Amino acid sequence: MKNFEKLADLIAINSIYDTPTKNAPFGKGNRRALDVFLSISREYGFEVGDDNGYAAWAEYGDGEKLVGVLGHLDVVPVGEGWKSDPFVLTVRDGNMYGRGVSDDKGPLFACLLALKRIKDEKIPLGARVRIIAGCNEENGSACIKHYAEHCEIPSVSFTPDSDFPVVASEKGILHLKITLPRVESGILTLRGGLRPNIVPGEAECKVSPELFQAVKDTAAGFTYRCGKIVAHGKSAHGSTPEKGDNAVLKLLALLSPFAHDDCVDWACKHFSENFGLDCEDESGKLTVNLGVCDFGEVAEFVVDLRLPACADPQDIIAKIRSTLPSNGKIDVLHRSDALRFDEDDKLITALMRVYREVTGDCDSRPLHIGGGTYAKELPNCAAFGAVFPGVDTRMHEPNEFYPIDDFDKLVEIYYRAMIALAKM
């Protein structure tokens, strides 16, 4: 596979968030991914640095000005339904498959190749370009927050972690954990979901014999076996829950008429109505994703909300809290505010110009998205690619891929973008 051996080395690492250890605040897998990134960068002849396992960087050029490129090496859990090993870079049907090949190891590697080309061609930049690799983007971006507190801040940056042509605004993100007390019911346990920012593709519950017989075979899309019911849905990115089929919500809806469980009834009512939240701007509507659900002694719901700039997070929390019983509780797990550039901002227009030069696409306009990126973590930073219009690379889903034909074009775009921002 041309040029892809080193990308394969990155894909091979299971860099899902794990137990912190010394010099590995996001787990040993992410530490290994950083070490491979640093090894590749040294081989390419770059200066390198390591922010105590939070992030690492590769740098080329001279001058006071620092241009940043921010990508991430951590990945979301793989889930079920892969046609090939998610930690083996697999080529078939003109695509590269593997967890992280699109989000965000593949685009980060494309940036390394672009900077190597600048170095090999001895392009005079008049600035330094620093490719920064984080390890906690999928779990709150503590990596880049730490970097920003302890390391040099670029004057201008882009992150290859979204879509082309360029992202002018991003919704705010709010992750909440809602806890409700439980009373005894026919539901013994109920669990589903891996992360708040993934639509659950599967959920299961263990129920009493009486409830099992009452529910058994009442609806398709479920597996009934030995007192256990499994719901089958479709995973999707939490910023676009409408593209998935939430297995937790399917299971709750199946149980509600039979279980006589207040927590189930509360969830069915309020998640079906999105808590009555209605707000929209150019980035789209407010969305609600029930990402994780766990019924044991209490019922826990972990929710991902994507908020247009017109939505006040405190008002949103207050409205959801008003639906809870008096002994219910809300904890804020993560919050990032909305980001908005004017479409004629110098950074946005510079990146648009590069995109148009390479692709010839003069019709696409700057995007306004529900996803969140590192662009919120540093000043004067915008998301720029790496997915081209009309392509769905199945980020956060099984069989994540990136088209091979797009990869060379991707390197060319990032090569020109680094030069343009260095001279801007």
Protein backbone atom coordinates (compact mmCIF):
# COMPACT_ATOMS: atom_id res chain seq x y z
CA MET A 1 0.00 0.00 0.00
CA LYS A 2 1.65 3.21 -1.17
CA ASN A 3 2.70 5.45 1.72
CA PHE A 4 0.24 3.74 4.04
CA GLU A 5 2.57 1.49 6.06
CA LYS A 6 3.10 4.15 8.70
CA LEU A 7 -0.60 4.95 8.80
CA ALA A 8 -1.18 1.22 9.31
CA ASP A 9 1.12 1.40 12.35
CA LEU A 10 -1.11 4.10 13.84
CA ILE A 11 -4.37 2.29 13.02
CA ALA A 12 -3.01 -0.89 14.67
CA ILE A 13 -3.02 0.79 18.09
CA ASN A 14 -6.16 0.53 20.20
CA SER A 15 -6.15 4.13 21.41
CA ILE A 16 -9.56 4.14 23.10
CA TYR A 17 -9.51 6.06 26.39
CA ASP A 18 -8.22 3.86 29.20
CA THR A 19 -7.00 3.99 32.80
CA PRO A 20 -4.44 6.79 33.30
CA THR A 21 -0.89 5.77 34.20
CA LYS A 22 2.41 7.63 34.56
CA ASN A 23 3.10 9.79 31.49
CA ALA A 24 -0.06 8.32 29.93
CA PRO A 25 -3.00 10.38 31.22
CA PHE A 26 -5.39 8.78 28.72
CA GLY A 27 -4.16 5.21 28.96
CA LYS A 28 -1.36 3.05 27.59
CA GLY A 29 -2.90 2.79 24.12
CA ASN A 30 -2.84 6.53 23.62
CA ARG A 31 0.71 6.65 24.98
CA ARG A 32 1.73 4.09 22.34
CA ALA A 33 0.00 6.12 19.63
CA LEU A 34 1.91 9.23 20.68
CA ASP A 35 5.18 7.28 20.62
CA VAL A 36 4.50 6.04 17.08
CA PHE A 37 3.59 9.59 15.99
CA LEU A 38 6.87 10.85 17.47
CA SER A 39 8.85 8.04 15.82
CA ILE A 40 7.38 8.85 12.39
CA SER A 41 8.04 12.55 12.93
CA ARG A 42 11.69 11.97 13.86
CA GLU A 43 12.14 9.75 10.82
CA TYR A 44 10.74 12.56 8.64
CA GLY A 45 13.33 14.94 10.14
CA PHE A 46 11.05 17.13 12.25
CA GLU A 47 11.75 18.68 15.63
CA VAL A 48 9.50 16.97 18.18
CA GLY A 49 8.08 17.60 21.63
CA ASP A 50 6.02 15.77 24.24
CA ASP A 51 3.62 17.45 26.67
CA ASN A 52 3.86 14.73 29.34
CA GLY A 53 1.62 12.35 27.43
CA TYR A 54 -1.21 14.85 26.98
CA ALA A 55 -0.10 15.75 23.47
CA ALA A 56 2.98 15.63 21.25
CA TRP A 57 4.11 17.65 18.25
CA ALA A 58 6.21 17.66 15.12
CA GLU A 59 7.63 20.99 13.90
CA TYR A 60 9.40 22.33 10.84
CA GLY A 61 10.47 25.84 9.81
CA ASP A 62 12.00 28.97 11.29
CA GLY A 63 10.74 32.24 12.70
CA GLU A 64 8.72 33.67 15.53
CA LYS A 65 5.33 32.95 13.99
CA LEU A 66 3.87 29.54 14.79
CA VAL A 67 1.20 27.91 12.59
CA GLY A 68 -0.70 25.07 14.25
CA VAL A 69 -2.28 21.91 12.87
CA LEU A 70 -4.29 20.02 15.49
CA GLY A 71 -5.30 16.39 15.08
CA HIS A 72 -6.09 13.57 17.47
CA LEU A 73 -4.92 10.00 17.91
CA ASP A 74 -7.63 8.75 20.27
CA VAL A 75 -10.58 6.86 18.83
CA VAL A 76 -14.08 5.88 19.92
CA PRO A 77 -14.97 2.25 20.78
CA VAL A 78 -15.35 0.03 17.75
CA GLY A 79 -18.82 -1.45 18.34
CA GLU A 80 -20.26 -4.44 16.47
CA GLY A 81 -20.65 -5.10 12.76
CA TRP A 82 -17.16 -4.68 11.30
CA LYS A 83 -16.36 -6.62 8.12
CA SER A 84 -12.62 -6.51 8.91
CA ASP A 85 -10.45 -6.05 11.99
CA PRO A 86 -10.92 -2.39 13.03
CA PHE A 87 -7.29 -2.24 14.17
CA VAL A 88 -5.87 -3.47 10.86
CA LEU A 89 -5.71 -0.99 7.98
CA THR A 90 -7.62 -2.87 5.28
CA VAL A 91 -7.97 -1.84 1.63
CA ARG A 92 -10.97 -2.97 -0.39
CA ASP A 93 -13.24 -1.44 -3.03
CA GLY A 94 -11.02 1.63 -3.31
CA ASN A 95 -11.26 2.52 0.38
CA MET A 96 -9.07 2.25 3.47
CA TYR A 97 -10.93 0.76 6.44
CA GLY A 98 -10.04 0.93 10.13
CA ARG A 99 -10.96 2.73 13.32
CA GLY A 100 -9.47 6.21 13.08
CA VAL A 101 -8.74 6.16 9.35
CA SER A 102 -11.11 9.10 8.93
CA ASP A 103 -11.36 10.34 12.53
CA ASP A 104 -8.59 11.36 12.95
CA LYS A 105 -5.43 9.28 12.45
CA GLY A 106 -5.70 9.29 8.65
CA PRO A 107 -6.02 13.08 8.29
CA LEU A 108 -3.29 13.64 10.89
CA PHE A 109 -0.96 11.38 8.91
CA ALA A 110 -1.84 13.30 5.73
CA CYS A 111 -0.67 16.46 7.50
CA LEU A 112 2.65 14.81 8.37
CA LEU A 113 3.11 13.89 4.70
CA ALA A 114 2.25 17.47 3.66
CA LEU A 115 4.80 18.95 6.07
CA LYS A 116 7.41 16.41 4.92
CA ARG A 117 6.84 17.53 1.34
CA ILE A 118 7.39 21.16 2.39
CA LYS A 119 10.64 20.12 4.09
CA ASP A 120 11.83 17.96 1.18
CA GLU A 121 11.11 20.76 -1.30
CA LYS A 122 12.80 23.31 1.00
CA ILE A 123 9.82 25.67 0.73
CA PRO A 124 10.68 28.98 2.49
CA LEU A 125 7.90 29.53 5.03
CA GLY A 126 9.13 32.41 7.19
CA ALA A 127 7.33 30.67 10.05
CA ARG A 128 7.22 27.41 11.95
CA VAL A 129 4.51 24.83 11.34
CA ARG A 130 3.71 22.60 14.30
CA ILE A 131 1.51 19.51 13.94
CA ILE A 132 0.02 18.85 17.38
CA ALA A 133 -1.38 15.40 18.17
CA GLY A 134 -3.80 15.12 21.09
CA CYS A 135 -5.22 12.02 22.78
CA ASN A 136 -8.51 13.07 24.39
CA GLU A 137 -10.59 14.74 21.68
CA GLU A 138 -13.34 12.14 21.90
CA ASN A 139 -13.61 12.52 25.68
CA GLY A 140 -13.53 16.27 26.28
CA SER A 141 -10.23 17.55 24.79
CA ALA A 142 -8.36 17.67 28.11
CA CYS A 143 -5.23 17.06 26.02
CA ILE A 144 -5.33 20.37 24.17
CA LYS A 145 -6.56 22.23 27.23
CA HIS A 146 -3.39 21.01 28.98
CA TYR A 147 -1.28 21.93 25.95
CA ALA A 148 -2.75 25.45 25.93
CA GLU A 149 -1.82 25.93 29.57
CA HIS A 150 1.78 24.69 29.26
CA CYS A 151 2.99 25.06 25.66
CA GLU A 152 3.34 27.63 22.90
CA ILE A 153 0.07 28.81 21.35
CA PRO A 154 0.00 29.09 17.54
CA SER A 155 -1.09 32.43 16.08
CA VAL A 156 -3.32 30.64 13.58
CA SER A 157 -4.35 26.98 13.23
CA PHE A 158 -6.59 24.48 11.52
CA THR A 159 -7.78 21.03 12.56
CA PRO A 160 -8.33 18.27 9.96
CA ASP A 161 -11.21 16.72 11.89
CA SER A 162 -14.44 17.63 10.14
CA ASP A 163 -15.55 18.37 6.58
CA PHE A 164 -14.55 20.43 3.56
CA PRO A 165 -14.64 23.12 2.43
CA VAL A 166 -14.17 24.76 5.87
CA VAL A 167 -16.22 25.08 9.05
CA ALA A 168 -17.30 28.60 9.98
CA SER A 169 -19.32 27.68 13.05
CA GLU A 170 -19.75 24.77 15.46
CA LYS A 171 -22.55 24.12 17.89
CA GLY A 172 -21.91 24.08 21.61
CA ILE A 173 -21.71 20.70 23.32
CA LEU A 174 -23.24 19.71 26.62
CA HIS A 175 -22.86 16.24 28.19
CA LEU A 176 -25.18 15.60 31.11
CA LYS A 177 -25.64 12.64 33.44
CA ILE A 178 -29.20 12.33 34.69
CA THR A 179 -29.73 10.09 37.72
CA LEU A 180 -33.16 8.89 38.85
CA PRO A 181 -33.95 6.67 41.85
CA ARG A 182 -35.58 3.35 41.06
CA VAL A 183 -38.27 1.30 42.70
CA GLU A 184 -38.55 -2.43 42.20
CA SER A 185 -39.96 -3.43 38.83
CA GLY A 186 -39.72 -6.26 36.34
CA ILE A 187 -36.57 -4.69 34.86
CA LEU A 188 -33.59 -6.13 36.70
CA THR A 189 -30.85 -4.49 34.62
CA LEU A 190 -30.81 -2.43 31.45
CA ARG A 191 -27.64 -1.25 29.72
CA GLY A 192 -26.75 0.27 26.39
CA GLY A 193 -24.34 2.70 24.78
CA LEU A 194 -20.60 3.28 24.84
CA ARG A 195 -20.13 7.06 24.81
CA PRO A 196 -22.41 10.09 24.95
CA ASN A 197 -21.30 11.10 21.44
CA ILE A 198 -22.29 7.79 19.81
CA VAL A 199 -25.85 6.69 19.01
CA PRO A 200 -26.15 3.26 20.70
CA GLY A 201 -26.32 0.45 18.18
CA GLU A 202 -27.27 -2.19 20.75
CA ALA A 203 -28.89 -2.34 24.19
CA GLU A 204 -29.96 -5.18 26.43
CA CYS A 205 -31.95 -5.79 29.57
CA LYS A 206 -32.57 -8.64 31.95
CA VAL A 207 -36.15 -8.86 33.14
CA SER A 208 -38.39 -10.95 35.37
CA PRO A 209 -39.98 -14.09 33.89
CA GLU A 210 -43.39 -12.41 33.97
CA LEU A 211 -42.20 -9.33 32.06
CA PHE A 212 -40.26 -11.48 29.62
CA GLN A 213 -43.39 -13.49 28.72
CA ALA A 214 -45.49 -10.33 28.38
CA VAL A 215 -43.02 -8.62 26.04
CA LYS A 216 -41.63 -11.62 24.14
CA ASP A 217 -42.09 -11.44 20.38
CA THR A 218 -44.24 -8.28 20.49
CA ALA A 219 -41.97 -6.40 18.06
CA ALA A 220 -39.33 -7.04 15.42
CA GLY A 221 -35.76 -5.82 15.79
CA PHE A 222 -35.17 -7.55 19.12
CA THR A 223 -33.63 -10.81 20.32
CA TYR A 224 -35.40 -12.65 23.14
CA ARG A 225 -33.41 -15.27 25.05
CA CYS A 226 -33.44 -16.68 28.61
CA GLY A 227 -34.96 -13.65 30.29
CA LYS A 228 -32.80 -11.24 28.34
CA ILE A 229 -33.99 -8.86 25.63
CA VAL A 230 -31.53 -7.32 23.17
CA ALA A 231 -32.45 -4.34 21.00
CA HIS A 232 -30.65 -3.82 17.69
CA GLY A 233 -30.25 -0.34 16.21
CA LYS A 234 -27.70 1.57 14.16
CA SER A 235 -24.75 3.57 15.46
CA ALA A 236 -24.08 7.12 14.29
CA HIS A 237 -22.19 10.19 15.43
CA GLY A 238 -23.87 11.82 18.41
CA SER A 239 -23.98 15.18 16.61
CA THR A 240 -26.33 13.67 14.00
CA PRO A 241 -28.59 11.31 15.96
CA GLU A 242 -31.13 11.35 13.14
CA LYS A 243 -28.69 9.27 11.06
CA GLY A 244 -28.78 6.42 13.58
CA ASP A 245 -31.37 4.17 15.18
CA ASN A 246 -31.04 4.42 18.97
CA ALA A 247 -31.23 0.90 20.42
CA VAL A 248 -31.70 2.20 23.98
CA LEU A 249 -34.75 4.25 23.01
CA LYS A 250 -36.16 1.26 21.10
CA LEU A 251 -35.76 -0.95 24.15
CA LEU A 252 -37.32 1.60 26.51
CA ALA A 253 -40.28 2.05 24.16
CA LEU A 254 -40.77 -1.73 23.97
CA LEU A 255 -40.79 -2.09 27.77
CA SER A 256 -42.83 0.97 28.71
CA PRO A 257 -46.37 -0.47 28.21
CA PHE A 258 -45.54 -3.56 30.29
CA ALA A 259 -42.88 -2.69 32.88
CA HIS A 260 -44.70 -0.12 35.09
CA ASP A 261 -41.33 1.50 35.73
CA ASP A 262 -41.35 5.28 36.36
CA CYS A 263 -37.82 5.71 35.02
CA VAL A 264 -38.72 4.04 31.73
CA ASP A 265 -41.87 6.11 31.39
CA TRP A 266 -39.98 9.33 32.16
CA ALA A 267 -37.33 8.55 29.56
CA CYS A 268 -39.82 7.59 26.86
CA LYS A 269 -41.82 10.77 27.35
CA HIS A 270 -39.01 13.30 27.48
CA PHE A 271 -36.50 11.85 25.02
CA SER A 272 -39.26 11.41 22.44
CA GLU A 273 -40.03 15.12 22.83
CA ASN A 274 -36.37 16.27 23.12
CA PHE A 275 -37.46 17.78 26.44
CA GLY A 276 -39.44 20.39 24.51
CA LEU A 277 -36.18 22.08 23.48
CA ASP A 278 -36.55 23.99 20.24
CA CYS A 279 -33.74 26.19 18.96
CA GLU A 280 -32.14 26.62 15.55
CA ASP A 281 -29.63 28.78 13.68
CA GLU A 282 -27.42 28.37 10.60
CA SER A 283 -25.63 25.44 12.29
CA GLY A 284 -28.93 23.55 12.52
CA LYS A 285 -31.39 22.49 15.21
CA LEU A 286 -30.60 21.65 18.80
CA THR A 287 -30.13 17.87 19.02
CA VAL A 288 -30.37 15.39 21.88
CA ASN A 289 -28.64 12.00 21.89
CA LEU A 290 -29.17 9.47 24.68
CA GLY A 291 -25.70 7.95 24.44
CA VAL A 292 -25.47 5.75 27.54
CA CYS A 293 -28.12 4.18 29.76
CA ASP A 294 -27.56 2.02 32.84
CA PHE A 295 -30.30 0.69 35.14
CA GLY A 296 -29.12 -0.87 38.38
CA GLU A 297 -29.93 0.41 41.83
CA VAL A 298 -30.49 3.78 40.14
CA ALA A 299 -31.21 4.75 36.55
CA GLU A 300 -28.47 6.73 34.78
CA PHE A 301 -28.85 8.46 31.43
CA VAL A 302 -25.84 10.14 29.81
CA VAL A 303 -26.94 12.67 27.20
CA ASP A 304 -25.12 14.54 24.42
CA LEU A 305 -26.74 17.84 23.44
CA ARG A 306 -25.55 19.98 20.52
CA LEU A 307 -26.52 23.61 21.05
CA PRO A 308 -26.81 26.35 18.43
CA ALA A 309 -25.28 29.66 19.52
CA CYS A 310 -28.79 30.96 20.23
CA ALA A 311 -29.23 28.41 23.05
CA ASP A 312 -28.17 29.30 26.60
CA PRO A 313 -26.69 26.18 28.27
CA GLN A 314 -27.95 27.20 31.71
CA ASP A 315 -31.49 27.58 30.37
CA ILE A 316 -31.23 24.15 28.74
CA ILE A 317 -30.09 22.53 31.98
CA ALA A 318 -32.86 24.28 33.92
CA LYS A 319 -35.51 23.09 31.47
CA ILE A 320 -34.32 19.47 31.68
CA ARG A 321 -34.11 19.71 35.48
CA SER A 322 -37.74 20.87 35.58
CA THR A 323 -38.80 17.50 34.12
CA LEU A 324 -37.15 15.50 36.92
CA PRO A 325 -38.82 14.19 40.06
CA SER A 326 -37.72 15.96 43.24
CA ASN A 327 -35.12 13.26 43.98
CA GLY A 328 -33.61 13.28 40.48
CA LYS A 329 -30.19 14.77 39.81
CA ILE A 330 -28.22 16.30 36.93
CA ASP A 331 -24.42 16.41 36.67
CA VAL A 332 -22.61 18.37 33.97
CA LEU A 333 -19.88 16.09 32.58
CA HIS A 334 -18.63 18.32 29.78
CA ARG A 335 -19.42 21.69 28.28
CA SER A 336 -17.96 23.62 25.35
CA ASP A 337 -19.47 26.80 23.98
CA ALA A 338 -20.43 27.40 20.37
CA LEU A 339 -17.80 28.74 17.95
CA ARG A 340 -18.59 31.19 15.17
CA PHE A 341 -16.48 32.87 12.47
CA ASP A 342 -17.71 35.42 9.95
CA GLU A 343 -17.56 33.82 6.52
CA ASP A 344 -15.31 36.66 5.34
CA ASP A 345 -12.82 36.16 8.20
CA LYS A 346 -9.21 36.05 6.90
CA LEU A 347 -8.65 32.49 8.14
CA ILE A 348 -11.88 31.20 6.58
CA THR A 349 -11.25 32.91 3.23
CA ALA A 350 -7.63 31.70 3.11
CA LEU A 351 -8.66 28.08 3.66
CA MET A 352 -11.55 28.37 1.20
CA ARG A 353 -9.11 29.68 -1.41
CA VAL A 354 -6.82 26.67 -0.96
CA TYR A 355 -9.71 24.22 -1.13
CA ARG A 356 -11.02 25.78 -4.35
CA GLU A 357 -7.58 25.84 -5.99
CA VAL A 358 -7.09 22.12 -5.47
CA THR A 359 -10.62 20.83 -6.07
CA GLY A 360 -12.06 23.33 -8.54
CA ASP A 361 -15.21 23.36 -6.39
CA CYS A 362 -16.30 27.00 -6.35
CA ASP A 363 -19.91 26.28 -5.40
CA SER A 364 -19.54 24.92 -1.86
CA ARG A 365 -19.86 27.44 0.94
CA PRO A 366 -18.40 27.48 4.48
CA LEU A 367 -20.14 25.00 6.74
CA HIS A 368 -22.03 25.40 10.01
CA ILE A 369 -22.00 22.09 11.88
CA GLY A 370 -23.19 20.26 14.95
CA GLY A 371 -19.91 18.45 15.54
CA GLY A 372 -17.29 19.82 17.91
CA THR A 373 -13.55 19.97 17.21
CA TYR A 374 -10.26 21.25 18.64
CA ALA A 375 -11.06 24.57 16.94
CA LYS A 376 -12.79 25.60 20.16
CA GLU A 377 -9.66 25.03 22.25
CA LEU A 378 -7.21 27.50 20.65
CA PRO A 379 -7.68 31.04 19.34
CA ASN A 380 -7.98 31.66 15.60
CA CYS A 381 -8.46 27.98 14.72
CA ALA A 382 -10.94 26.45 12.25
CA ALA A 383 -11.87 22.92 11.22
CA PHE A 384 -10.71 22.23 7.67
CA GLY A 385 -11.59 18.84 6.14
CA ALA A 386 -10.82 16.02 5.96
CA VAL A 387 -14.06 14.64 4.48
CA PHE A 388 -15.06 15.85 1.04
CA PRO A 389 -18.64 16.90 0.16
CA GLY A 390 -21.01 14.04 -0.52
CA VAL A 391 -18.91 11.41 1.28
CA ASP A 392 -20.02 9.73 4.53
CA THR A 393 -16.97 7.98 6.00
CA ARG A 394 -18.97 6.41 8.87
CA MET A 395 -17.19 8.25 11.66
CA HIS A 396 -18.10 6.70 15.04
CA GLU A 397 -19.73 3.78 13.20
CA PRO A 398 -18.58 0.28 12.24
CA ASN A 399 -16.60 0.06 8.99
CA GLU A 400 -15.19 3.57 9.18
CA PHE A 401 -13.34 4.29 5.92
CA TYR A 402 -11.55 6.89 3.81
CA PRO A 403 -11.43 6.80 -0.01
CA ILE A 404 -7.93 6.19 -1.38
CA ASP A 405 -8.51 8.53 -4.34
CA ASP A 406 -9.22 11.37 -1.91
CA PHE A 407 -6.04 10.85 0.11
CA ASP A 408 -3.53 12.35 -2.35
CA LYS A 409 -5.85 15.31 -2.83
CA LEU A 410 -5.99 15.66 0.96
CA VAL A 411 -2.19 15.86 1.24
CA GLU A 412 -2.10 18.48 -1.53
CA ILE A 413 -4.70 20.63 0.23
CA TYR A 414 -2.87 20.51 3.56
CA TYR A 415 0.48 21.18 1.86
CA ARG A 416 -0.92 24.38 0.35
CA ALA A 417 -2.80 25.34 3.52
CA MET A 418 0.33 25.20 5.67
CA ILE A 419 2.18 27.43 3.19
CA ALA A 420 -0.75 29.85 2.93
CA LEU A 421 -1.15 30.24 6.70
CA ALA A 422 2.59 30.65 7.19
CA LYS A 423 2.54 33.57 4.74
CA MET A 424 -0.87 35.00 5.73
